[in-house]
Every structure is written in structure tokens, then in C-alpha cells.
């Protein structure tokens, strides 16, 4: 009888321990998704500002049509992206296209002096700063989830319940290479 109680006690402890691990992983997964929802809010504002910025720039840059089309296409892919990983990839492309636009704008002093353009640039700069902050939070949440998934014995439960490590929201290899190259300013 005592042996049966000990076995039942051990089984109950293991069950509660497994439930605690599972619930912890679920909490971390939801925290990561919530962090990406914060990014989504900033991305929506960014997506809304891009057409306004392009409109302000268009008159000055008619012969730079390729740059404008690259930003427009990247924005469209970013708006249509579904799922966290697809959105991360699309936003990397949009960020790179916006960087290209900013470099091209340097060649137009009248445009840089325009109040409308300056206001839009300031708003985009503000949103980019907010995006950087929420990306850091998202990456922190992703790191916590990934660590929990990889730790023993969590990795056993994670595998059983389909939890997998998730990608960070980073610049990627091409983005890092682009950041290492000084921008080319055309006059």
C-alpha cells in the first residue's frame, strides 16, 4: 500500500512538473507573439507613411523611378506578408529599399528643404526608432523562448508538443553587408 502511494505521488509530481514546463513554453510563445503584435502596429504606421513620402519625393525624382518602384514593391510585399517569418523577411526588404530612397534623396537639396518632406522624414525616423525598440523586445522574447525550448528537460516536452526554435528579427547577412558599406551619394 505504501509503495503504491509512493508511485502515485511520483507520477503526480512528474505530471505537475510536465504541466509546468508546457505552460511555461506556452507563456513564452505567447509573449513572443505579443511582442510581434507590437511590431505590427509600428509596421502599419510605417506602411501608411511610405506612400505619403513617395508622393512628396516623386516630383523631384521622376528619373529615379527604379528607386521609387523598389520601395513601392517592397511595401506591397510587406503589407501582404502573412505569418511572422514572412513578415520579417518582407520588412528587411522594405528597410533596405527605404535606405536606398534616403540615399537618393541626398541628391535633391530642394526636396530636403521641403516642409512636407521634412515632416514625413521626421515621422518615419520616429517610427524607425520605435520599430528598433519593439524589435529588441521581440528578439528578447524570441531568445527566452528559444533558450527554454533548448534546455533539458524542456526540450523533451517541446519536441513532444511541437515547439521549435524561432528566428530573430535581424538585418540578415545582406543587411549586415549593406551596413558595412559607406552610402554612395550622387550629385
C-alpha atoms as a PDB file:
ATOM      1  CA  UNK A   1       0.000   0.000   0.000  1.00  0.00           C
ATOM      2  CA  UNK A   2       2.813   2.425   0.888  1.00  0.00           C
ATOM      3  CA  UNK A   3       4.645   1.535  -2.330  1.00  0.00           C
ATOM      4  CA  UNK A   4       1.505   2.332  -4.340  1.00  0.00           C
ATOM      5  CA  UNK A   5       1.177   5.736  -2.630  1.00  0.00           C
ATOM      6  CA  UNK A   6       4.830   6.500  -3.363  1.00  0.00           C
ATOM      7  CA  UNK A   7       4.388   5.555  -7.045  1.00  0.00           C
ATOM      8  CA  UNK A   8       1.189   7.637  -7.319  1.00  0.00           C
ATOM      9  CA  UNK A   9       2.995  10.532  -5.614  1.00  0.00           C
ATOM     10  CA  UNK A  10       5.931  10.320  -8.020  1.00  0.00           C
ATOM     11  CA  UNK A  11       3.590  10.131 -11.020  1.00  0.00           C
ATOM     12  CA  UNK A  12       1.652  13.185  -9.777  1.00  0.00           C
ATOM     13  CA  UNK A  13       4.870  15.150  -9.255  1.00  0.00           C
ATOM     14  CA  UNK A  14       6.015  14.243 -12.787  1.00  0.00           C
ATOM     15  CA  UNK A  15       2.629  15.199 -14.261  1.00  0.00           C
ATOM     16  CA  UNK A  16       2.619  18.570 -12.453  1.00  0.00           C
ATOM     17  CA  UNK A  17       6.223  19.128 -13.488  1.00  0.00           C
ATOM     18  CA  UNK A  18       5.363  18.366 -17.152  1.00  0.00           C
ATOM     19  CA  UNK A  19       2.348  20.672 -16.996  1.00  0.00           C
ATOM     20  CA  UNK A  20       4.504  23.452 -15.533  1.00  0.00           C
ATOM     21  CA  UNK A  21       7.067  23.063 -18.330  1.00  0.00           C
ATOM     22  CA  UNK A  22       4.345  23.022 -21.003  1.00  0.00           C
ATOM     23  CA  UNK A  23       2.614  26.075 -19.531  1.00  0.00           C
ATOM     24  CA  UNK A  24       5.937  27.904 -19.342  1.00  0.00           C
ATOM     25  CA  UNK A  25       6.621  27.213 -23.020  1.00  0.00           C
ATOM     26  CA  UNK A  26       3.109  28.351 -23.957  1.00  0.00           C
ATOM     27  CA  UNK A  27       3.596  31.572 -21.987  1.00  0.00           C
ATOM     28  CA  UNK A  28       6.909  32.273 -23.712  1.00  0.00           C
ATOM     29  CA  UNK A  29       5.401  31.530 -27.141  1.00  0.00           C
ATOM     30  CA  UNK A  30       2.509  33.902 -26.447  1.00  0.00           C
ATOM     31  CA  UNK A  31       4.923  36.547 -25.150  1.00  0.00           C
ATOM     32  CA  UNK A  32       6.823  36.337 -28.457  1.00  0.00           C
ATOM     33  CA  UNK A  33       3.604  36.629 -30.464  1.00  0.00           C
ATOM     34  CA  UNK A  34       2.540  39.609 -28.354  1.00  0.00           C
ATOM     35  CA  UNK A  35       5.925  41.228 -28.988  1.00  0.00           C
ATOM     36  CA  UNK A  36       5.399  40.775 -32.716  1.00  0.00           C
ATOM     37  CA  UNK A  37       1.949  42.363 -32.420  1.00  0.00           C
ATOM     38  CA  UNK A  38       3.745  45.476 -31.105  1.00  0.00           C
ATOM     39  CA  UNK A  39       5.971  45.364 -34.182  1.00  0.00           C
ATOM     40  CA  UNK A  40       2.870  45.011 -36.383  1.00  0.00           C
ATOM     41  CA  UNK A  41       1.451  48.270 -35.000  1.00  0.00           C
ATOM     42  CA  UNK A  42       4.633  50.142 -35.892  1.00  0.00           C
ATOM     43  CA  UNK A  43       4.832  48.447 -39.284  1.00  0.00           C
ATOM     44  CA  UNK A  44       1.263  49.513 -40.078  1.00  0.00           C
ATOM     45  CA  UNK A  45       2.191  53.130 -39.345  1.00  0.00           C
ATOM     46  CA  UNK A  46       5.306  52.756 -41.461  1.00  0.00           C
ATOM     47  CA  UNK A  47       3.301  51.263 -44.328  1.00  0.00           C
ATOM     48  CA  UNK A  48       0.828  54.152 -44.135  1.00  0.00           C
ATOM     49  CA  UNK A  49       3.603  56.766 -44.259  1.00  0.00           C
ATOM     50  CA  UNK A  50       5.551  55.275 -47.164  1.00  0.00           C
ATOM     51  CA  UNK A  51       3.009  56.295 -49.875  1.00  0.00           C
ATOM     52  CA  UNK A  52       2.951  59.839 -48.462  1.00  0.00           C
ATOM     53  CA  UNK A  53       6.729  60.003 -48.515  1.00  0.00           C
ATOM     54  CA  UNK A  54       6.841  58.655 -52.052  1.00  0.00           C
ATOM     55  CA  UNK A  55       4.273  61.244 -53.143  1.00  0.00           C
ATOM     56  CA  UNK A  56       6.383  64.052 -51.710  1.00  0.00           C
ATOM     57  CA  UNK A  57       9.523  62.708 -53.369  1.00  0.00           C
ATOM     58  CA  UNK A  58       8.025  61.725 -56.725  1.00  0.00           C
ATOM     59  CA  UNK A  59       8.020  65.174 -58.306  1.00  0.00           C
ATOM     60  CA  UNK A  60      11.683  65.686 -57.526  1.00  0.00           C
ATOM     61  CA  UNK A  61      12.843  62.248 -58.560  1.00  0.00           C
ATOM     62  CA  UNK A  62      10.992  61.347 -61.766  1.00  0.00           C
ATOM     63  CA  UNK A  63      14.166  59.971 -63.355  1.00  0.00           C
ATOM     64  CA  UNK A  64      14.854  57.822 -60.250  1.00  0.00           C
ATOM     65  CA  UNK A  65      11.813  55.676 -60.995  1.00  0.00           C
ATOM     66  CA  UNK A  66      13.626  52.403 -60.151  1.00  0.00           C
ATOM     67  CA  UNK A  67      14.205  53.510 -56.557  1.00  0.00           C
ATOM     68  CA  UNK A  68      10.569  54.551 -56.155  1.00  0.00           C
ATOM     69  CA  UNK A  69       9.325  51.304 -57.674  1.00  0.00           C
ATOM     70  CA  UNK A  70      11.604  49.265 -55.388  1.00  0.00           C
ATOM     71  CA  UNK A  71      10.144  50.989 -52.309  1.00  0.00           C
ATOM     72  CA  UNK A  72       6.577  50.603 -53.606  1.00  0.00           C
ATOM     73  CA  UNK A  73       7.061  46.900 -54.397  1.00  0.00           C
ATOM     74  CA  UNK A  74       8.782  46.209 -51.076  1.00  0.00           C
ATOM     75  CA  UNK A  75       5.963  47.970 -49.206  1.00  0.00           C
ATOM     76  CA  UNK A  76       3.354  45.922 -51.089  1.00  0.00           C
ATOM     77  CA  UNK A  77       5.128  42.648 -50.220  1.00  0.00           C
ATOM     78  CA  UNK A  78       5.374  43.758 -46.590  1.00  0.00           C
ATOM     79  CA  UNK A  79       1.667  44.627 -46.408  1.00  0.00           C
ATOM     80  CA  UNK A  80       0.660  41.304 -47.980  1.00  0.00           C
ATOM     81  CA  UNK A  81       3.001  39.164 -45.867  1.00  0.00           C
ATOM     82  CA  UNK A  82       1.365  36.643 -43.585  1.00  0.00           C
ATOM     83  CA  UNK A  83       2.987  34.895 -40.676  1.00  0.00           C
ATOM     84  CA  UNK A  84       5.787  36.185 -38.517  1.00  0.00           C
ATOM     85  CA  UNK A  85       8.675  34.760 -40.561  1.00  0.00           C
ATOM     86  CA  UNK A  86       7.315  36.047 -43.887  1.00  0.00           C
ATOM     87  CA  UNK A  87       6.745  39.487 -42.369  1.00  0.00           C
ATOM     88  CA  UNK A  88      10.293  39.559 -41.010  1.00  0.00           C
ATOM     89  CA  UNK A  89      11.721  38.849 -44.486  1.00  0.00           C
ATOM     90  CA  UNK A  90       9.443  41.401 -46.180  1.00  0.00           C
ATOM     91  CA  UNK A  91      10.278  44.088 -43.635  1.00  0.00           C
ATOM     92  CA  UNK A  92      14.005  43.540 -44.163  1.00  0.00           C
ATOM     93  CA  UNK A  93      13.449  44.223 -47.877  1.00  0.00           C
ATOM     94  CA  UNK A  94      11.364  47.332 -47.156  1.00  0.00           C
ATOM     95  CA  UNK A  95      14.008  48.680 -44.776  1.00  0.00           C
ATOM     96  CA  UNK A  96      16.693  48.206 -47.431  1.00  0.00           C
ATOM     97  CA  UNK A  97      14.517  49.918 -50.066  1.00  0.00           C
ATOM     98  CA  UNK A  98      13.866  52.864 -47.745  1.00  0.00           C
ATOM     99  CA  UNK A  99      17.616  53.171 -47.125  1.00  0.00           C
ATOM    100  CA  UNK A 100      18.126  53.344 -50.883  1.00  0.00           C
ATOM    101  CA  UNK A 101      15.487  56.054 -51.116  1.00  0.00           C
ATOM    102  CA  UNK A 102      17.165  58.085 -48.382  1.00  0.00           C
ATOM    103  CA  UNK A 103      20.485  57.865 -50.210  1.00  0.00           C
ATOM    104  CA  UNK A 104      18.862  59.033 -53.463  1.00  0.00           C
ATOM    105  CA  UNK A 105      17.161  61.951 -51.690  1.00  0.00           C
ATOM    106  CA  UNK A 106      20.562  63.345 -50.746  1.00  0.00           C
ATOM    107  CA  UNK A 107      20.964  64.472 -54.371  1.00  0.00           C
ATOM    108  CA  UNK A 108      17.934  66.808 -54.133  1.00  0.00           C
ATOM    109  CA  UNK A 109      18.600  69.819 -51.873  1.00  0.00           C
ATOM    110  CA  UNK A 110      15.241  71.448 -52.694  1.00  0.00           C
ATOM    111  CA  UNK A 111      13.428  68.296 -51.629  1.00  0.00           C
ATOM    112  CA  UNK A 112      15.333  68.104 -48.362  1.00  0.00           C
ATOM    113  CA  UNK A 113      14.258  71.699 -47.633  1.00  0.00           C
ATOM    114  CA  UNK A 114      10.560  70.979 -48.282  1.00  0.00           C
ATOM    115  CA  UNK A 115       8.484  71.220 -45.082  1.00  0.00           C
ATOM    116  CA  UNK A 116       6.229  68.338 -46.146  1.00  0.00           C
ATOM    117  CA  UNK A 117       9.181  66.095 -46.865  1.00  0.00           C
ATOM    118  CA  UNK A 118      10.962  67.081 -43.662  1.00  0.00           C
ATOM    119  CA  UNK A 119       7.836  66.306 -41.621  1.00  0.00           C
ATOM    120  CA  UNK A 120       7.451  62.902 -43.296  1.00  0.00           C
ATOM    121  CA  UNK A 121      11.145  62.147 -42.782  1.00  0.00           C
ATOM    122  CA  UNK A 122      10.788  63.018 -39.105  1.00  0.00           C
ATOM    123  CA  UNK A 123       7.735  60.760 -38.750  1.00  0.00           C
ATOM    124  CA  UNK A 124       9.485  57.881 -40.495  1.00  0.00           C
ATOM    125  CA  UNK A 125      12.568  58.393 -38.350  1.00  0.00           C
ATOM    126  CA  UNK A 126      10.360  58.288 -35.242  1.00  0.00           C
ATOM    127  CA  UNK A 127       8.667  55.095 -36.403  1.00  0.00           C
ATOM    128  CA  UNK A 128      12.029  53.505 -37.264  1.00  0.00           C
ATOM    129  CA  UNK A 129      13.235  54.287 -33.731  1.00  0.00           C
ATOM    130  CA  UNK A 130      10.071  52.765 -32.255  1.00  0.00           C
ATOM    131  CA  UNK A 131      10.494  49.744 -34.539  1.00  0.00           C
ATOM    132  CA  UNK A 132      14.051  49.300 -33.298  1.00  0.00           C
ATOM    133  CA  UNK A 133      12.790  49.294 -29.709  1.00  0.00           C
ATOM    134  CA  UNK A 134       9.994  46.776 -30.314  1.00  0.00           C
ATOM    135  CA  UNK A 135      12.320  44.586 -32.393  1.00  0.00           C
ATOM    136  CA  UNK A 136      14.712  44.443 -29.445  1.00  0.00           C
ATOM    137  CA  UNK A 137      11.814  43.382 -27.215  1.00  0.00           C
ATOM    138  CA  UNK A 138      10.687  40.818 -29.815  1.00  0.00           C
ATOM    139  CA  UNK A 139      14.212  39.413 -30.100  1.00  0.00           C
ATOM    140  CA  UNK A 140      14.449  39.225 -26.315  1.00  0.00           C
ATOM    141  CA  UNK A 141      11.150  37.313 -26.170  1.00  0.00           C
ATOM    142  CA  UNK A 142      12.346  35.048 -29.001  1.00  0.00           C
ATOM    143  CA  UNK A 143      15.632  34.418 -27.197  1.00  0.00           C
ATOM    144  CA  UNK A 144      13.798  33.461 -23.980  1.00  0.00           C
ATOM    145  CA  UNK A 145      11.548  31.065 -25.893  1.00  0.00           C
ATOM    146  CA  UNK A 146      14.467  29.508 -27.786  1.00  0.00           C
ATOM    147  CA  UNK A 147      16.501  29.026 -24.609  1.00  0.00           C
ATOM    148  CA  UNK A 148      13.543  27.406 -22.856  1.00  0.00           C
ATOM    149  CA  UNK A 149      12.959  25.092 -25.834  1.00  0.00           C
ATOM    150  CA  UNK A 150      16.608  24.040 -25.943  1.00  0.00           C
ATOM    151  CA  UNK A 151      17.105  23.416 -22.205  1.00  0.00           C
ATOM    152  CA  UNK A 152      16.861  19.938 -20.769  1.00  0.00           C
ATOM    153  CA  UNK A 153      14.275  18.582 -19.909  1.00  0.00           C
ATOM    154  CA  UNK A 154      12.169  21.263 -21.619  1.00  0.00           C
ATOM    155  CA  UNK A 155      13.495  20.089 -24.995  1.00  0.00           C
ATOM    156  CA  UNK A 156      11.773  16.733 -24.486  1.00  0.00           C
ATOM    157  CA  UNK A 157       8.387  18.365 -23.860  1.00  0.00           C
ATOM    158  CA  UNK A 158       8.989  20.980 -26.567  1.00  0.00           C
ATOM    159  CA  UNK A 159       9.579  18.252 -29.125  1.00  0.00           C
ATOM    160  CA  UNK A 160       6.530  16.295 -27.996  1.00  0.00           C
ATOM    161  CA  UNK A 161       4.247  19.323 -28.308  1.00  0.00           C
ATOM    162  CA  UNK A 162       5.701  20.841 -31.488  1.00  0.00           C
ATOM    163  CA  UNK A 163       7.582  23.805 -30.027  1.00  0.00           C
ATOM    164  CA  UNK A 164      10.536  24.751 -32.239  1.00  0.00           C
ATOM    165  CA  UNK A 165      13.173  27.458 -32.048  1.00  0.00           C
ATOM    166  CA  UNK A 166      12.146  30.633 -33.837  1.00  0.00           C
ATOM    167  CA  UNK A 167      14.133  33.159 -35.889  1.00  0.00           C
ATOM    168  CA  UNK A 168      15.161  36.545 -34.583  1.00  0.00           C
ATOM    169  CA  UNK A 169      14.179  39.772 -36.351  1.00  0.00           C
ATOM    170  CA  UNK A 170      17.616  40.835 -37.549  1.00  0.00           C
ATOM    171  CA  UNK A 171      19.230  42.502 -40.541  1.00  0.00           C
ATOM    172  CA  UNK A 172      20.295  39.240 -42.111  1.00  0.00           C
ATOM    173  CA  UNK A 173      23.549  38.696 -43.969  1.00  0.00           C
ATOM    174  CA  UNK A 174      22.719  41.105 -46.823  1.00  0.00           C
ATOM    175  CA  UNK A 175      21.613  43.788 -44.374  1.00  0.00           C
ATOM    176  CA  UNK A 176      24.801  43.489 -42.348  1.00  0.00           C
ATOM    177  CA  UNK A 177      26.910  43.667 -45.506  1.00  0.00           C
ATOM    178  CA  UNK A 178      24.991  46.768 -46.619  1.00  0.00           C
ATOM    179  CA  UNK A 179      25.595  48.418 -43.246  1.00  0.00           C
ATOM    180  CA  UNK A 180      29.348  47.837 -43.653  1.00  0.00           C
ATOM    181  CA  UNK A 181      29.461  49.754 -46.951  1.00  0.00           C
ATOM    182  CA  UNK A 182      29.509  53.557 -46.900  1.00  0.00           C
ATOM    183  CA  UNK A 183      26.499  55.011 -48.737  1.00  0.00           C
ATOM    184  CA  UNK A 184      27.109  56.374 -52.203  1.00  0.00           C
ATOM    185  CA  UNK A 185      25.894  59.947 -52.524  1.00  0.00           C
ATOM    186  CA  UNK A 186      25.055  61.100 -56.032  1.00  0.00           C
ATOM    187  CA  UNK A 187      25.087  64.731 -57.169  1.00  0.00           C
END
